[in-house]
Amino acid sequence: MNNSKNTHLALTQYYRWYQVYEIPFTKSTIENQLDILSDQVEISSQAGTTKGKDTLADRLQLFEGWKNAHHVKSTKIS
């Protein structure tokens, strides 16, 4: 039972990560995104590298109005 619970918790956070890109940006959605990250988070992508949570809200604004879709076909929790 514990393994099932932990798997569910991990998947919840995984899908929560992508949610911010799928719905309009609001203070609430950005706070929800920040809540799952460490203060020392480092995110590297084609848009550059961001260190720490302080600049993440500004970084997310770059994607305002984009029509993104993430179609996760499978995941494996280990």
PDB file of N, CA and C in Angstrom:
ATOM      1  N   MET A   1       0.823  -1.194   0.000  1.00  0.00           N
ATOM      2  CA  MET A   1       0.000   0.000   0.000  1.00  0.00           C
ATOM      3  C   MET A   1       0.867   1.258   0.000  1.00  0.00           C
ATOM      4  N   ASN A   2       1.963   1.235   0.742  1.00  0.00           N
ATOM      5  CA  ASN A   2       2.840   2.394   0.828  1.00  0.00           C
ATOM      6  C   ASN A   2       3.451   2.737  -0.536  1.00  0.00           C
ATOM      7  N   ASN A   3       3.845   1.710  -1.301  1.00  0.00           N
ATOM      8  CA  ASN A   3       4.423   1.928  -2.620  1.00  0.00           C
ATOM      9  C   ASN A   3       3.410   2.611  -3.544  1.00  0.00           C
ATOM     10  N   SER A   4       2.166   2.178  -3.495  1.00  0.00           N
ATOM     11  CA  SER A   4       1.110   2.774  -4.307  1.00  0.00           C
ATOM     12  C   SER A   4       0.896   4.236  -3.926  1.00  0.00           C
ATOM     13  N   LYS A   5       0.902   4.512  -2.637  1.00  0.00           N
ATOM     14  CA  LYS A   5       0.718   5.880  -2.146  1.00  0.00           C
ATOM     15  C   LYS A   5       1.871   6.771  -2.627  1.00  0.00           C
ATOM     16  N   ASN A   6       3.104   6.294  -2.493  1.00  0.00           N
ATOM     17  CA  ASN A   6       4.265   7.073  -2.910  1.00  0.00           C
ATOM     18  C   ASN A   6       4.281   7.310  -4.414  1.00  0.00           C
ATOM     19  N   THR A   7       3.874   6.305  -5.186  1.00  0.00           N
ATOM     20  CA  THR A   7       3.786   6.455  -6.627  1.00  0.00           C
ATOM     21  C   THR A   7       2.768   7.531  -6.980  1.00  0.00           C
ATOM     22  N   HIS A   8       1.620   7.486  -6.331  1.00  0.00           N
ATOM     23  CA  HIS A   8       0.577   8.482  -6.574  1.00  0.00           C
ATOM     24  C   HIS A   8       1.077   9.887  -6.225  1.00  0.00           C
ATOM     25  N   LEU A   9       1.758  10.024  -5.106  1.00  0.00           N
ATOM     26  CA  LEU A   9       2.283  11.331  -4.700  1.00  0.00           C
ATOM     27  C   LEU A   9       3.304  11.861  -5.715  1.00  0.00           C
ATOM     28  N   ALA A  10       4.174  10.987  -6.196  1.00  0.00           N
ATOM     29  CA  ALA A  10       5.176  11.403  -7.181  1.00  0.00           C
ATOM     30  C   ALA A  10       4.509  11.829  -8.489  1.00  0.00           C
ATOM     31  N   LEU A  11       3.529  11.075  -8.943  1.00  0.00           N
ATOM     32  CA  LEU A  11       2.841  11.428 -10.184  1.00  0.00           C
ATOM     33  C   LEU A  11       2.057  12.735 -10.043  1.00  0.00           C
ATOM     34  N   THR A  12       1.502  12.967  -8.881  1.00  0.00           N
ATOM     35  CA  THR A  12       0.784  14.219  -8.637  1.00  0.00           C
ATOM     36  C   THR A  12       1.702  15.402  -8.842  1.00  0.00           C
ATOM     37  N   GLN A  13       2.903  15.335  -8.277  1.00  0.00           N
ATOM     38  CA  GLN A  13       3.855  16.425  -8.436  1.00  0.00           C
ATOM     39  C   GLN A  13       4.344  16.531  -9.878  1.00  0.00           C
ATOM     40  N   TYR A  14       4.514  15.425 -10.534  1.00  0.00           N
ATOM     41  CA  TYR A  14       4.961  15.399 -11.932  1.00  0.00           C
ATOM     42  C   TYR A  14       3.964  16.129 -12.828  1.00  0.00           C
ATOM     43  N   TYR A  15       2.693  15.779 -12.703  1.00  0.00           N
ATOM     44  CA  TYR A  15       1.670  16.427 -13.519  1.00  0.00           C
ATOM     45  C   TYR A  15       1.464  17.876 -13.102  1.00  0.00           C
ATOM     46  N   ARG A  16       1.639  18.152 -11.830  1.00  0.00           N
ATOM     47  CA  ARG A  16       1.517  19.520 -11.333  1.00  0.00           C
ATOM     48  C   ARG A  16       2.568  20.424 -11.975  1.00  0.00           C
ATOM     49  N   TRP A  17       3.741  19.885 -12.247  1.00  0.00           N
ATOM     50  CA  TRP A  17       4.804  20.660 -12.886  1.00  0.00           C
ATOM     51  C   TRP A  17       4.342  21.177 -14.246  1.00  0.00           C
ATOM     52  N   TYR A  18       3.713  20.316 -15.044  1.00  0.00           N
ATOM     53  CA  TYR A  18       3.287  20.703 -16.386  1.00  0.00           C
ATOM     54  C   TYR A  18       2.045  21.591 -16.380  1.00  0.00           C
ATOM     55  N   GLN A  19       1.241  21.527 -15.342  1.00  0.00           N
ATOM     56  CA  GLN A  19      -0.013  22.264 -15.295  1.00  0.00           C
ATOM     57  C   GLN A  19       0.179  23.757 -15.521  1.00  0.00           C
ATOM     58  N   VAL A  20       1.224  24.321 -14.986  1.00  0.00           N
ATOM     59  CA  VAL A  20       1.423  25.762 -15.113  1.00  0.00           C
ATOM     60  C   VAL A  20       1.545  26.187 -16.576  1.00  0.00           C
ATOM     61  N   TYR A  21       1.996  25.301 -17.447  1.00  0.00           N
ATOM     62  CA  TYR A  21       2.147  25.629 -18.857  1.00  0.00           C
ATOM     63  C   TYR A  21       0.860  25.417 -19.657  1.00  0.00           C
ATOM     64  N   GLU A  22      -0.120  24.765 -19.060  1.00  0.00           N
ATOM     65  CA  GLU A  22      -1.334  24.376 -19.776  1.00  0.00           C
ATOM     66  C   GLU A  22      -2.525  25.297 -19.529  1.00  0.00           C
ATOM     67  N   ILE A  23      -2.471  26.117 -18.507  1.00  0.00           N
ATOM     68  CA  ILE A  23      -3.594  26.977 -18.154  1.00  0.00           C
ATOM     69  C   ILE A  23      -3.099  28.417 -18.057  1.00  0.00           C
ATOM     70  N   PRO A  24      -4.009  29.385 -18.104  1.00  0.00           N
ATOM     71  CA  PRO A  24      -3.565  30.787 -18.028  1.00  0.00           C
ATOM     72  C   PRO A  24      -2.772  31.072 -16.750  1.00  0.00           C
ATOM     73  N   PHE A  25      -1.768  31.928 -16.875  1.00  0.00           N
ATOM     74  CA  PHE A  25      -0.962  32.299 -15.719  1.00  0.00           C
ATOM     75  C   PHE A  25      -1.769  33.210 -14.804  1.00  0.00           C
ATOM     76  N   THR A  26      -1.832  32.821 -13.570  1.00  0.00           N
ATOM     77  CA  THR A  26      -2.429  33.650 -12.531  1.00  0.00           C
ATOM     78  C   THR A  26      -1.481  33.620 -11.344  1.00  0.00           C
ATOM     79  N   LYS A  27      -1.707  34.479 -10.396  1.00  0.00           N
ATOM     80  CA  LYS A  27      -0.881  34.458  -9.193  1.00  0.00           C
ATOM     81  C   LYS A  27      -0.956  33.083  -8.534  1.00  0.00           C
ATOM     82  N   SER A  28      -2.148  32.510  -8.519  1.00  0.00           N
ATOM     83  CA  SER A  28      -2.355  31.202  -7.892  1.00  0.00           C
ATOM     84  C   SER A  28      -1.595  30.086  -8.610  1.00  0.00           C
ATOM     85  N   THR A  29      -1.632  30.055  -9.942  1.00  0.00           N
ATOM     86  CA  THR A  29      -0.939  28.972 -10.655  1.00  0.00           C
ATOM     87  C   THR A  29       0.568  29.105 -10.503  1.00  0.00           C
ATOM     88  N   ILE A  30       1.074  30.334 -10.488  1.00  0.00           N
ATOM     89  CA  ILE A  30       2.512  30.523 -10.305  1.00  0.00           C
ATOM     90  C   ILE A  30       2.918  30.147  -8.884  1.00  0.00           C
ATOM     91  N   GLU A  31       2.117  30.513  -7.890  1.00  0.00           N
ATOM     92  CA  GLU A  31       2.423  30.122  -6.507  1.00  0.00           C
ATOM     93  C   GLU A  31       2.389  28.611  -6.352  1.00  0.00           C
ATOM     94  N   ASN A  32       1.453  27.961  -7.023  1.00  0.00           N
ATOM     95  CA  ASN A  32       1.367  26.505  -6.992  1.00  0.00           C
ATOM     96  C   ASN A  32       2.639  25.888  -7.568  1.00  0.00           C
ATOM     97  N   GLN A  33       3.141  26.474  -8.646  1.00  0.00           N
ATOM     98  CA  GLN A  33       4.377  25.992  -9.262  1.00  0.00           C
ATOM     99  C   GLN A  33       5.556  26.192  -8.316  1.00  0.00           C
ATOM    100  N   LEU A  34       5.654  27.363  -7.719  1.00  0.00           N
ATOM    101  CA  LEU A  34       6.766  27.655  -6.817  1.00  0.00           C
ATOM    102  C   LEU A  34       6.749  26.745  -5.591  1.00  0.00           C
ATOM    103  N   ASP A  35       5.568  26.354  -5.163  1.00  0.00           N
ATOM    104  CA  ASP A  35       5.423  25.536  -3.962  1.00  0.00           C
ATOM    105  C   ASP A  35       6.089  24.171  -4.093  1.00  0.00           C
ATOM    106  N   ILE A  36       6.177  23.636  -5.298  1.00  0.00           N
ATOM    107  CA  ILE A  36       6.744  22.291  -5.460  1.00  0.00           C
ATOM    108  C   ILE A  36       8.256  22.310  -5.659  1.00  0.00           C
ATOM    109  N   LEU A  37       8.836  23.500  -5.724  1.00  0.00           N
ATOM    110  CA  LEU A  37      10.263  23.603  -6.013  1.00  0.00           C
ATOM    111  C   LEU A  37      11.077  24.003  -4.794  1.00  0.00           C
ATOM    112  N   SER A  38      12.302  23.560  -4.772  1.00  0.00           N
ATOM    113  CA  SER A  38      13.261  23.956  -3.743  1.00  0.00           C
ATOM    114  C   SER A  38      13.677  25.405  -3.984  1.00  0.00           C
ATOM    115  N   ASP A  39      14.062  26.092  -2.922  1.00  0.00           N
ATOM    116  CA  ASP A  39      14.555  27.461  -3.069  1.00  0.00           C
ATOM    117  C   ASP A  39      15.811  27.507  -3.937  1.00  0.00           C
ATOM    118  N   GLN A  40      16.554  26.411  -4.006  1.00  0.00           N
ATOM    119  CA  GLN A  40      17.796  26.353  -4.780  1.00  0.00           C
ATOM    120  C   GLN A  40      17.593  25.735  -6.169  1.00  0.00           C
ATOM    121  N   VAL A  41      16.375  25.715  -6.668  1.00  0.00           N
ATOM    122  CA  VAL A  41      16.090  25.094  -7.962  1.00  0.00           C
ATOM    123  C   VAL A  41      16.918  25.751  -9.065  1.00  0.00           C
ATOM    124  N   GLU A  42      17.346  24.940 -10.013  1.00  0.00           N
ATOM    125  CA  GLU A  42      18.027  25.440 -11.208  1.00  0.00           C
ATOM    126  C   GLU A  42      17.348  24.812 -12.407  1.00  0.00           C
ATOM    127  N   ILE A  43      16.845  25.653 -13.297  1.00  0.00           N
ATOM    128  CA  ILE A  43      16.127  25.171 -14.466  1.00  0.00           C
ATOM    129  C   ILE A  43      16.888  25.619 -15.704  1.00  0.00           C
ATOM    130  N   SER A  44      17.274  24.645 -16.525  1.00  0.00           N
ATOM    131  CA  SER A  44      17.973  24.930 -17.772  1.00  0.00           C
ATOM    132  C   SER A  44      17.103  24.471 -18.931  1.00  0.00           C
ATOM    133  N   SER A  45      16.964  25.323 -19.927  1.00  0.00           N
ATOM    134  CA  SER A  45      16.194  24.976 -21.122  1.00  0.00           C
ATOM    135  C   SER A  45      16.700  25.832 -22.276  1.00  0.00           C
ATOM    136  N   GLN A  46      16.013  25.761 -23.393  1.00  0.00           N
ATOM    137  CA  GLN A  46      16.378  26.578 -24.547  1.00  0.00           C
ATOM    138  C   GLN A  46      16.237  28.065 -24.241  1.00  0.00           C
ATOM    139  N   ALA A  47      15.410  28.394 -23.231  1.00  0.00           N
ATOM    140  CA  ALA A  47      15.200  29.795 -22.849  1.00  0.00           C
ATOM    141  C   ALA A  47      16.294  30.301 -21.913  1.00  0.00           C
ATOM    142  N   GLY A  48      17.257  29.453 -21.613  1.00  0.00           N
ATOM    143  CA  GLY A  48      18.347  29.847 -20.720  1.00  0.00           C
ATOM    144  C   GLY A  48      18.278  29.114 -19.397  1.00  0.00           C
ATOM    145  N   THR A  49      19.040  29.601 -18.426  1.00  0.00           N
ATOM    146  CA  THR A  49      19.117  28.977 -17.114  1.00  0.00           C
ATOM    147  C   THR A  49      18.624  29.951 -16.059  1.00  0.00           C
ATOM    148  N   THR A  50      17.810  29.438 -15.156  1.00  0.00           N
ATOM    149  CA  THR A  50      17.302  30.217 -14.030  1.00  0.00           C
ATOM    150  C   THR A  50      17.718  29.510 -12.758  1.00  0.00           C
ATOM    151  N   LYS A  51      18.225  30.258 -11.807  1.00  0.00           N
ATOM    152  CA  LYS A  51      18.614  29.692 -10.511  1.00  0.00           C
ATOM    153  C   LYS A  51      17.778  30.358  -9.426  1.00  0.00           C
ATOM    154  N   GLY A  52      17.158  29.532  -8.595  1.00  0.00           N
ATOM    155  CA  GLY A  52      16.342  30.037  -7.499  1.00  0.00           C
ATOM    156  C   GLY A  52      14.920  30.319  -7.942  1.00  0.00           C
ATOM    157  N   LYS A  53      14.037  30.401  -6.958  1.00  0.00           N
ATOM    158  CA  LYS A  53      12.622  30.614  -7.245  1.00  0.00           C
ATOM    159  C   LYS A  53      12.278  32.074  -7.500  1.00  0.00           C
ATOM    160  N   ASP A  54      13.135  33.000  -7.085  1.00  0.00           N
ATOM    161  CA  ASP A  54      12.819  34.423  -7.181  1.00  0.00           C
ATOM    162  C   ASP A  54      12.556  34.897  -8.603  1.00  0.00           C
ATOM    163  N   THR A  55      13.234  34.319  -9.581  1.00  0.00           N
ATOM    164  CA  THR A  55      13.093  34.778 -10.962  1.00  0.00           C
ATOM    165  C   THR A  55      12.172  33.900 -11.802  1.00  0.00           C
ATOM    166  N   LEU A  56      11.630  32.845 -11.208  1.00  0.00           N
ATOM    167  CA  LEU A  56      10.821  31.913 -11.986  1.00  0.00           C
ATOM    168  C   LEU A  56       9.542  32.552 -12.505  1.00  0.00           C
ATOM    169  N   ALA A  57       8.872  33.372 -11.720  1.00  0.00           N
ATOM    170  CA  ALA A  57       7.630  34.009 -12.179  1.00  0.00           C
ATOM    171  C   ALA A  57       7.894  34.853 -13.428  1.00  0.00           C
ATOM    172  N   ASP A  58       9.003  35.593 -13.445  1.00  0.00           N
ATOM    173  CA  ASP A  58       9.349  36.390 -14.628  1.00  0.00           C
ATOM    174  C   ASP A  58       9.639  35.491 -15.820  1.00  0.00           C
ATOM    175  N   ARG A  59      10.321  34.393 -15.574  1.00  0.00           N
ATOM    176  CA  ARG A  59      10.642  33.452 -16.647  1.00  0.00           C
ATOM    177  C   ARG A  59       9.369  32.860 -17.246  1.00  0.00           C
ATOM    178  N   LEU A  60       8.404  32.525 -16.395  1.00  0.00           N
ATOM    179  CA  LEU A  60       7.155  31.942 -16.878  1.00  0.00           C
ATOM    180  C   LEU A  60       6.378  32.919 -17.747  1.00  0.00           C
ATOM    181  N   GLN A  61       6.518  34.211 -17.495  1.00  0.00           N
ATOM    182  CA  GLN A  61       5.802  35.207 -18.288  1.00  0.00           C
ATOM    183  C   GLN A  61       6.212  35.173 -19.758  1.00  0.00           C
ATOM    184  N   LEU A  62       7.399  34.658 -20.045  1.00  0.00           N
ATOM    185  CA  LEU A  62       7.833  34.516 -21.439  1.00  0.00           C
ATOM    186  C   LEU A  62       6.881  33.622 -22.226  1.00  0.00           C
ATOM    187  N   PHE A  63       6.189  32.739 -21.527  1.00  0.00           N
ATOM    188  CA  PHE A  63       5.314  31.765 -22.175  1.00  0.00           C
ATOM    189  C   PHE A  63       3.849  32.195 -22.171  1.00  0.00           C
ATOM    190  N   GLU A  64       3.567  33.385 -21.713  1.00  0.00           N
ATOM    191  CA  GLU A  64       2.195  33.888 -21.667  1.00  0.00           C
ATOM    192  C   GLU A  64       1.571  33.850 -23.058  1.00  0.00           C
ATOM    193  N   GLY A  65       0.416  33.226 -23.161  1.00  0.00           N
ATOM    194  CA  GLY A  65      -0.303  33.160 -24.423  1.00  0.00           C
ATOM    195  C   GLY A  65       0.118  32.042 -25.354  1.00  0.00           C
ATOM    196  N   TRP A  66       1.189  31.330 -25.007  1.00  0.00           N
ATOM    197  CA  TRP A  66       1.604  30.212 -25.855  1.00  0.00           C
ATOM    198  C   TRP A  66       0.563  29.114 -25.792  1.00  0.00           C
ATOM    199  N   LYS A  67       0.443  28.388 -26.864  1.00  0.00           N
ATOM    200  CA  LYS A  67      -0.467  27.237 -26.923  1.00  0.00           C
ATOM    201  C   LYS A  67       0.381  25.976 -26.813  1.00  0.00           C
ATOM    202  N   ASN A  68       0.698  25.612 -25.582  1.00  0.00           N
ATOM    203  CA  ASN A  68       1.528  24.429 -25.328  1.00  0.00           C
ATOM    204  C   ASN A  68       0.646  23.247 -24.994  1.00  0.00           C
ATOM    205  N   ALA A  69       1.109  22.107 -25.306  1.00  0.00           N
ATOM    206  CA  ALA A  69       0.426  20.889 -24.915  1.00  0.00           C
ATOM    207  C   ALA A  69       1.484  19.838 -24.597  1.00  0.00           C
ATOM    208  N   HIS A  70       1.324  19.213 -23.475  1.00  0.00           N
ATOM    209  CA  HIS A  70       2.233  18.153 -23.067  1.00  0.00           C
ATOM    210  C   HIS A  70       1.421  16.864 -23.030  1.00  0.00           C
ATOM    211  N   HIS A  71       1.775  15.949 -23.867  1.00  0.00           N
ATOM    212  CA  HIS A  71       1.061  14.679 -23.941  1.00  0.00           C
ATOM    213  C   HIS A  71       1.987  13.580 -23.420  1.00  0.00           C
ATOM    214  N   VAL A  72       1.949  13.384 -22.134  1.00  0.00           N
ATOM    215  CA  VAL A  72       2.783  12.361 -21.509  1.00  0.00           C
ATOM    216  C   VAL A  72       2.195  11.002 -21.856  1.00  0.00           C
ATOM    217  N   LYS A  73       2.999  10.183 -22.484  1.00  0.00           N
ATOM    218  CA  LYS A  73       2.504   8.870 -22.909  1.00  0.00           C
ATOM    219  C   LYS A  73       2.763   7.790 -21.875  1.00  0.00           C
ATOM    220  N   SER A  74       3.828   7.943 -21.102  1.00  0.00           N
ATOM    221  CA  SER A  74       4.089   6.953 -20.053  1.00  0.00           C
ATOM    222  C   SER A  74       5.069   7.547 -19.048  1.00  0.00           C
ATOM    223  N   THR A  75       5.011   7.036 -17.861  1.00  0.00           N
ATOM    224  CA  THR A  75       5.947   7.418 -16.812  1.00  0.00           C
ATOM    225  C   THR A  75       6.334   6.166 -16.042  1.00  0.00           C
ATOM    226  N   LYS A  76       7.489   6.230 -15.441  1.00  0.00           N
ATOM    227  CA  LYS A  76       7.942   5.135 -14.596  1.00  0.00           C
ATOM    228  C   LYS A  76       8.514   5.762 -13.333  1.00  0.00           C
ATOM    229  N   ILE A  77       7.956   5.419 -12.213  1.00  0.00           N
ATOM    230  CA  ILE A  77       8.411   5.930 -10.938  1.00  0.00           C
ATOM    231  C   ILE A  77       9.346   4.901 -10.320  1.00  0.00           C
ATOM    232  N   SER A  78      10.548   5.356  -9.950  1.00  0.00           N
ATOM    233  CA  SER A  78      11.479   4.425  -9.296  1.00  0.00           C
ATOM    234  C   SER A  78      12.077   5.082  -8.073  1.00  0.00           C
TER     235      SER A  78
END
